[in-house]
Amino acid sequence: MEFRAVVKKSDDWWIGWLIDLPGVNAQERTKEELLESLKIGATDMLMTPFELEEEGELVTINVG
């Protein structure tokens, strides 16, 4: 699975966020550490359990 990320150097830090998964962002000292943190954040977000509302229906949408 691939996600688009914005990454940039800000003073002594690398900061970044995933465009495709709002809420996944990170700040690290190196670009490599930043990319690893974003991968971990994406995995954590996608694996977070949630409770479906009583009247809700879970569906999968394929855009490709």
PDB file of N, CA and C in Angstrom:
ATOM      1  N   MET A   1       0.850  -1.165   0.000  1.00  0.00           N
ATOM      2  CA  MET A   1       0.000   0.000   0.000  1.00  0.00           C
ATOM      3  C   MET A   1       0.902   1.236   0.000  1.00  0.00           C
ATOM      4  N   GLU A   2       0.551   2.199  -0.776  1.00  0.00           N
ATOM      5  CA  GLU A   2       1.338   3.426  -0.870  1.00  0.00           C
ATOM      6  C   GLU A   2       0.505   4.623  -0.438  1.00  0.00           C
ATOM      7  N   PHE A   3       1.180   5.577   0.219  1.00  0.00           N
ATOM      8  CA  PHE A   3       0.548   6.811   0.642  1.00  0.00           C
ATOM      9  C   PHE A   3       1.425   7.983   0.231  1.00  0.00           C
ATOM     10  N   ARG A   4       0.793   9.083  -0.101  1.00  0.00           N
ATOM     11  CA  ARG A   4       1.544  10.297  -0.437  1.00  0.00           C
ATOM     12  C   ARG A   4       1.855  11.057   0.844  1.00  0.00           C
ATOM     13  N   ALA A   5       3.092  11.565   0.918  1.00  0.00           N
ATOM     14  CA  ALA A   5       3.517  12.309   2.098  1.00  0.00           C
ATOM     15  C   ALA A   5       4.161  13.619   1.677  1.00  0.00           C
ATOM     16  N   VAL A   6       3.946  14.642   2.478  1.00  0.00           N
ATOM     17  CA  VAL A   6       4.662  15.901   2.343  1.00  0.00           C
ATOM     18  C   VAL A   6       5.760  15.873   3.405  1.00  0.00           C
ATOM     19  N   VAL A   7       7.006  16.077   3.001  1.00  0.00           N
ATOM     20  CA  VAL A   7       8.116  16.120   3.950  1.00  0.00           C
ATOM     21  C   VAL A   7       8.941  17.363   3.676  1.00  0.00           C
ATOM     22  N   LYS A   8       9.436  17.972   4.761  1.00  0.00           N
ATOM     23  CA  LYS A   8      10.286  19.146   4.568  1.00  0.00           C
ATOM     24  C   LYS A   8      11.180  19.334   5.783  1.00  0.00           C
ATOM     25  N   LYS A   9      12.296  19.988   5.522  1.00  0.00           N
ATOM     26  CA  LYS A   9      13.264  20.305   6.575  1.00  0.00           C
ATOM     27  C   LYS A   9      12.875  21.640   7.188  1.00  0.00           C
ATOM     28  N   SER A  10      12.817  21.683   8.522  1.00  0.00           N
ATOM     29  CA  SER A  10      12.490  22.908   9.244  1.00  0.00           C
ATOM     30  C   SER A  10      13.522  23.076  10.353  1.00  0.00           C
ATOM     31  N   ASP A  11      14.460  23.963  10.131  1.00  0.00           N
ATOM     32  CA  ASP A  11      15.593  24.136  11.041  1.00  0.00           C
ATOM     33  C   ASP A  11      16.336  22.804  11.167  1.00  0.00           C
ATOM     34  N   ASP A  12      16.432  22.267  12.379  1.00  0.00           N
ATOM     35  CA  ASP A  12      17.157  21.009  12.588  1.00  0.00           C
ATOM     36  C   ASP A  12      16.262  19.783  12.535  1.00  0.00           C
ATOM     37  N   TRP A  13      15.005  19.963  12.159  1.00  0.00           N
ATOM     38  CA  TRP A  13      14.041  18.866  12.178  1.00  0.00           C
ATOM     39  C   TRP A  13      13.505  18.587  10.778  1.00  0.00           C
ATOM     40  N   TRP A  14      13.087  17.346  10.575  1.00  0.00           N
ATOM     41  CA  TRP A  14      12.301  16.972   9.402  1.00  0.00           C
ATOM     42  C   TRP A  14      10.864  16.811   9.877  1.00  0.00           C
ATOM     43  N   ILE A  15       9.934  17.419   9.179  1.00  0.00           N
ATOM     44  CA  ILE A  15       8.519  17.285   9.523  1.00  0.00           C
ATOM     45  C   ILE A  15       7.774  16.742   8.302  1.00  0.00           C
ATOM     46  N   GLY A  16       6.677  16.036   8.555  1.00  0.00           N
ATOM     47  CA  GLY A  16       5.912  15.492   7.437  1.00  0.00           C
ATOM     48  C   GLY A  16       4.548  15.005   7.862  1.00  0.00           C
ATOM     49  N   TRP A  17       3.704  14.802   6.868  1.00  0.00           N
ATOM     50  CA  TRP A  17       2.362  14.292   7.104  1.00  0.00           C
ATOM     51  C   TRP A  17       1.891  13.542   5.871  1.00  0.00           C
ATOM     52  N   LEU A  18       0.954  12.643   6.099  1.00  0.00           N
ATOM     53  CA  LEU A  18       0.389  11.861   5.006  1.00  0.00           C
ATOM     54  C   LEU A  18      -0.841  12.564   4.463  1.00  0.00           C
ATOM     55  N   ILE A  19      -0.849  12.805   3.188  1.00  0.00           N
ATOM     56  CA  ILE A  19      -1.991  13.445   2.535  1.00  0.00           C
ATOM     57  C   ILE A  19      -3.200  12.516   2.559  1.00  0.00           C
ATOM     58  N   ASP A  20      -2.948  11.224   2.370  1.00  0.00           N
ATOM     59  CA  ASP A  20      -4.032  10.253   2.226  1.00  0.00           C
ATOM     60  C   ASP A  20      -4.614   9.768   3.554  1.00  0.00           C
ATOM     61  N   LEU A  21      -3.914  10.027   4.657  1.00  0.00           N
ATOM     62  CA  LEU A  21      -4.411   9.637   5.977  1.00  0.00           C
ATOM     63  C   LEU A  21      -4.299  10.844   6.910  1.00  0.00           C
ATOM     64  N   PRO A  22      -5.267  11.742   6.856  1.00  0.00           N
ATOM     65  CA  PRO A  22      -5.213  12.920   7.723  1.00  0.00           C
ATOM     66  C   PRO A  22      -5.047  12.514   9.190  1.00  0.00           C
ATOM     67  N   GLY A  23      -4.184  13.216   9.872  1.00  0.00           N
ATOM     68  CA  GLY A  23      -3.917  12.912  11.270  1.00  0.00           C
ATOM     69  C   GLY A  23      -2.610  12.171  11.476  1.00  0.00           C
ATOM     70  N   VAL A  24      -2.050  11.620  10.405  1.00  0.00           N
ATOM     71  CA  VAL A  24      -0.750  10.956  10.521  1.00  0.00           C
ATOM     72  C   VAL A  24       0.317  11.980  10.168  1.00  0.00           C
ATOM     73  N   ASN A  25       1.079  12.368  11.193  1.00  0.00           N
ATOM     74  CA  ASN A  25       2.158  13.329  10.996  1.00  0.00           C
ATOM     75  C   ASN A  25       3.285  12.985  11.950  1.00  0.00           C
ATOM     76  N   ALA A  26       4.474  13.531  11.683  1.00  0.00           N
ATOM     77  CA  ALA A  26       5.623  13.217  12.523  1.00  0.00           C
ATOM     78  C   ALA A  26       6.673  14.308  12.399  1.00  0.00           C
ATOM     79  N   GLN A  27       7.592  14.273  13.351  1.00  0.00           N
ATOM     80  CA  GLN A  27       8.734  15.191  13.375  1.00  0.00           C
ATOM     81  C   GLN A  27       9.925  14.392  13.878  1.00  0.00           C
ATOM     82  N   GLU A  28      11.004  14.374  13.117  1.00  0.00           N
ATOM     83  CA  GLU A  28      12.191  13.608  13.493  1.00  0.00           C
ATOM     84  C   GLU A  28      13.451  14.365  13.108  1.00  0.00           C
ATOM     85  N   ARG A  29      14.588  13.903  13.596  1.00  0.00           N
ATOM     86  CA  ARG A  29      15.866  14.564  13.314  1.00  0.00           C
ATOM     87  C   ARG A  29      16.400  14.257  11.919  1.00  0.00           C
ATOM     88  N   THR A  30      16.059  13.096  11.358  1.00  0.00           N
ATOM     89  CA  THR A  30      16.530  12.744  10.015  1.00  0.00           C
ATOM     90  C   THR A  30      15.340  12.394   9.129  1.00  0.00           C
ATOM     91  N   LYS A  31      15.547  12.500   7.831  1.00  0.00           N
ATOM     92  CA  LYS A  31      14.490  12.163   6.876  1.00  0.00           C
ATOM     93  C   LYS A  31      14.136  10.681   6.976  1.00  0.00           C
ATOM     94  N   GLU A  32      15.139   9.840   7.155  1.00  0.00           N
ATOM     95  CA  GLU A  32      14.898   8.400   7.254  1.00  0.00           C
ATOM     96  C   GLU A  32      14.033   8.072   8.475  1.00  0.00           C
ATOM     97  N   GLU A  33      14.347   8.715   9.621  1.00  0.00           N
ATOM     98  CA  GLU A  33      13.543   8.499  10.825  1.00  0.00           C
ATOM     99  C   GLU A  33      12.125   9.017  10.628  1.00  0.00           C
ATOM    100  N   LEU A  34      11.987  10.125   9.926  1.00  0.00           N
ATOM    101  CA  LEU A  34      10.663  10.685   9.650  1.00  0.00           C
ATOM    102  C   LEU A  34       9.834   9.715   8.824  1.00  0.00           C
ATOM    103  N   LEU A  35      10.413   9.184   7.762  1.00  0.00           N
ATOM    104  CA  LEU A  35       9.664   8.256   6.903  1.00  0.00           C
ATOM    105  C   LEU A  35       9.254   7.008   7.676  1.00  0.00           C
ATOM    106  N   GLU A  36      10.125   6.529   8.550  1.00  0.00           N
ATOM    107  CA  GLU A  36       9.784   5.363   9.369  1.00  0.00           C
ATOM    108  C   GLU A  36       8.645   5.697  10.333  1.00  0.00           C
ATOM    109  N   SER A  37       8.686   6.867  10.940  1.00  0.00           N
ATOM    110  CA  SER A  37       7.609   7.279  11.842  1.00  0.00           C
ATOM    111  C   SER A  37       6.279   7.414  11.110  1.00  0.00           C
ATOM    112  N   LEU A  38       6.315   7.928   9.887  1.00  0.00           N
ATOM    113  CA  LEU A  38       5.082   8.032   9.102  1.00  0.00           C
ATOM    114  C   LEU A  38       4.534   6.648   8.759  1.00  0.00           C
ATOM    115  N   LYS A  39       5.416   5.697   8.466  1.00  0.00           N
ATOM    116  CA  LYS A  39       4.975   4.312   8.194  1.00  0.00           C
ATOM    117  C   LYS A  39       4.306   3.721   9.428  1.00  0.00           C
ATOM    118  N   ILE A  40       4.927   3.928  10.586  1.00  0.00           N
ATOM    119  CA  ILE A  40       4.363   3.416  11.835  1.00  0.00           C
ATOM    120  C   ILE A  40       3.011   4.077  12.110  1.00  0.00           C
ATOM    121  N   GLY A  41       2.925   5.384  11.899  1.00  0.00           N
ATOM    122  CA  GLY A  41       1.664   6.092  12.104  1.00  0.00           C
ATOM    123  C   GLY A  41       0.556   5.588  11.200  1.00  0.00           C
ATOM    124  N   ALA A  42       0.892   5.318   9.937  1.00  0.00           N
ATOM    125  CA  ALA A  42      -0.105   4.797   8.999  1.00  0.00           C
ATOM    126  C   ALA A  42      -0.586   3.415   9.436  1.00  0.00           C
ATOM    127  N   THR A  43       0.350   2.568   9.831  1.00  0.00           N
ATOM    128  CA  THR A  43      -0.011   1.221  10.288  1.00  0.00           C
ATOM    129  C   THR A  43      -0.898   1.297  11.518  1.00  0.00           C
ATOM    130  N   ASP A  44      -0.509   2.130  12.481  1.00  0.00           N
ATOM    131  CA  ASP A  44      -1.315   2.270  13.699  1.00  0.00           C
ATOM    132  C   ASP A  44      -2.719   2.753  13.380  1.00  0.00           C
ATOM    133  N   MET A  45      -2.834   3.746  12.497  1.00  0.00           N
ATOM    134  CA  MET A  45      -4.160   4.268  12.173  1.00  0.00           C
ATOM    135  C   MET A  45      -5.025   3.209  11.497  1.00  0.00           C
ATOM    136  N   LEU A  46      -4.438   2.475  10.565  1.00  0.00           N
ATOM    137  CA  LEU A  46      -5.214   1.473   9.834  1.00  0.00           C
ATOM    138  C   LEU A  46      -5.580   0.266  10.696  1.00  0.00           C
ATOM    139  N   MET A  47      -4.822   0.018  11.750  1.00  0.00           N
ATOM    140  CA  MET A  47      -5.078  -1.132  12.618  1.00  0.00           C
ATOM    141  C   MET A  47      -5.927  -0.774  13.847  1.00  0.00           C
ATOM    142  N   THR A  48      -6.259   0.496  14.008  1.00  0.00           N
ATOM    143  CA  THR A  48      -7.039   0.922  15.170  1.00  0.00           C
ATOM    144  C   THR A  48      -8.455   0.351  15.078  1.00  0.00           C
ATOM    145  N   PRO A  49      -8.860  -0.411  16.086  1.00  0.00           N
ATOM    146  CA  PRO A  49     -10.217  -0.960  16.052  1.00  0.00           C
ATOM    147  C   PRO A  49     -11.255   0.146  16.269  1.00  0.00           C
ATOM    148  N   PHE A  50     -12.418  -0.085  15.762  1.00  0.00           N
ATOM    149  CA  PHE A  50     -13.506   0.856  15.963  1.00  0.00           C
ATOM    150  C   PHE A  50     -14.796   0.069  16.094  1.00  0.00           C
ATOM    151  N   GLU A  51     -15.758   0.687  16.733  1.00  0.00           N
ATOM    152  CA  GLU A  51     -17.059   0.043  16.895  1.00  0.00           C
ATOM    153  C   GLU A  51     -18.027   0.630  15.885  1.00  0.00           C
ATOM    154  N   LEU A  52     -18.660  -0.248  15.164  1.00  0.00           N
ATOM    155  CA  LEU A  52     -19.643   0.153  14.170  1.00  0.00           C
ATOM    156  C   LEU A  52     -20.957   0.471  14.877  1.00  0.00           C
ATOM    157  N   GLU A  53     -21.559   1.595  14.523  1.00  0.00           N
ATOM    158  CA  GLU A  53     -22.850   1.956  15.116  1.00  0.00           C
ATOM    159  C   GLU A  53     -23.886   0.897  14.766  1.00  0.00           C
ATOM    160  N   GLU A  54     -24.875   0.785  15.592  1.00  0.00           N
ATOM    161  CA  GLU A  54     -25.903  -0.248  15.441  1.00  0.00           C
ATOM    162  C   GLU A  54     -26.529  -0.236  14.045  1.00  0.00           C
ATOM    163  N   GLU A  55     -26.809   0.928  13.504  1.00  0.00           N
ATOM    164  CA  GLU A  55     -27.453   1.040  12.206  1.00  0.00           C
ATOM    165  C   GLU A  55     -26.438   1.154  11.063  1.00  0.00           C
ATOM    166  N   GLY A  56     -25.149   1.147  11.391  1.00  0.00           N
ATOM    167  CA  GLY A  56     -24.128   1.359  10.372  1.00  0.00           C
ATOM    168  C   GLY A  56     -23.827   0.095   9.573  1.00  0.00           C
ATOM    169  N   GLU A  57     -23.229   0.324   8.430  1.00  0.00           N
ATOM    170  CA  GLU A  57     -22.826  -0.761   7.544  1.00  0.00           C
ATOM    171  C   GLU A  57     -21.400  -0.477   7.091  1.00  0.00           C
ATOM    172  N   LEU A  58     -20.533  -1.460   7.218  1.00  0.00           N
ATOM    173  CA  LEU A  58     -19.149  -1.323   6.788  1.00  0.00           C
ATOM    174  C   LEU A  58     -19.042  -1.767   5.331  1.00  0.00           C
ATOM    175  N   VAL A  59     -18.530  -0.875   4.463  1.00  0.00           N
ATOM    176  CA  VAL A  59     -18.364  -1.200   3.053  1.00  0.00           C
ATOM    177  C   VAL A  59     -16.940  -0.883   2.636  1.00  0.00           C
ATOM    178  N   THR A  60     -16.490  -1.500   1.583  1.00  0.00           N
ATOM    179  CA  THR A  60     -15.167  -1.225   1.012  1.00  0.00           C
ATOM    180  C   THR A  60     -15.365  -0.545  -0.329  1.00  0.00           C
ATOM    181  N   ILE A  61     -14.607   0.516  -0.555  1.00  0.00           N
ATOM    182  CA  ILE A  61     -14.706   1.272  -1.792  1.00  0.00           C
ATOM    183  C   ILE A  61     -13.391   1.142  -2.540  1.00  0.00           C
ATOM    184  N   ASN A  62     -13.433   0.698  -3.768  1.00  0.00           N
ATOM    185  CA  ASN A  62     -12.241   0.532  -4.601  1.00  0.00           C
ATOM    186  C   ASN A  62     -12.189   1.680  -5.587  1.00  0.00           C
ATOM    187  N   VAL A  63     -11.124   2.462  -5.555  1.00  0.00           N
ATOM    188  CA  VAL A  63     -11.017   3.607  -6.461  1.00  0.00           C
ATOM    189  C   VAL A  63     -10.060   3.334  -7.618  1.00  0.00           C
ATOM    190  N   GLY A  64      -9.526   2.157  -7.694  1.00  0.00           N
ATOM    191  CA  GLY A  64      -8.561   1.903  -8.763  1.00  0.00           C
ATOM    192  C   GLY A  64      -8.913   0.774  -9.554  1.00  0.00           C
TER     193      GLY A  64
END
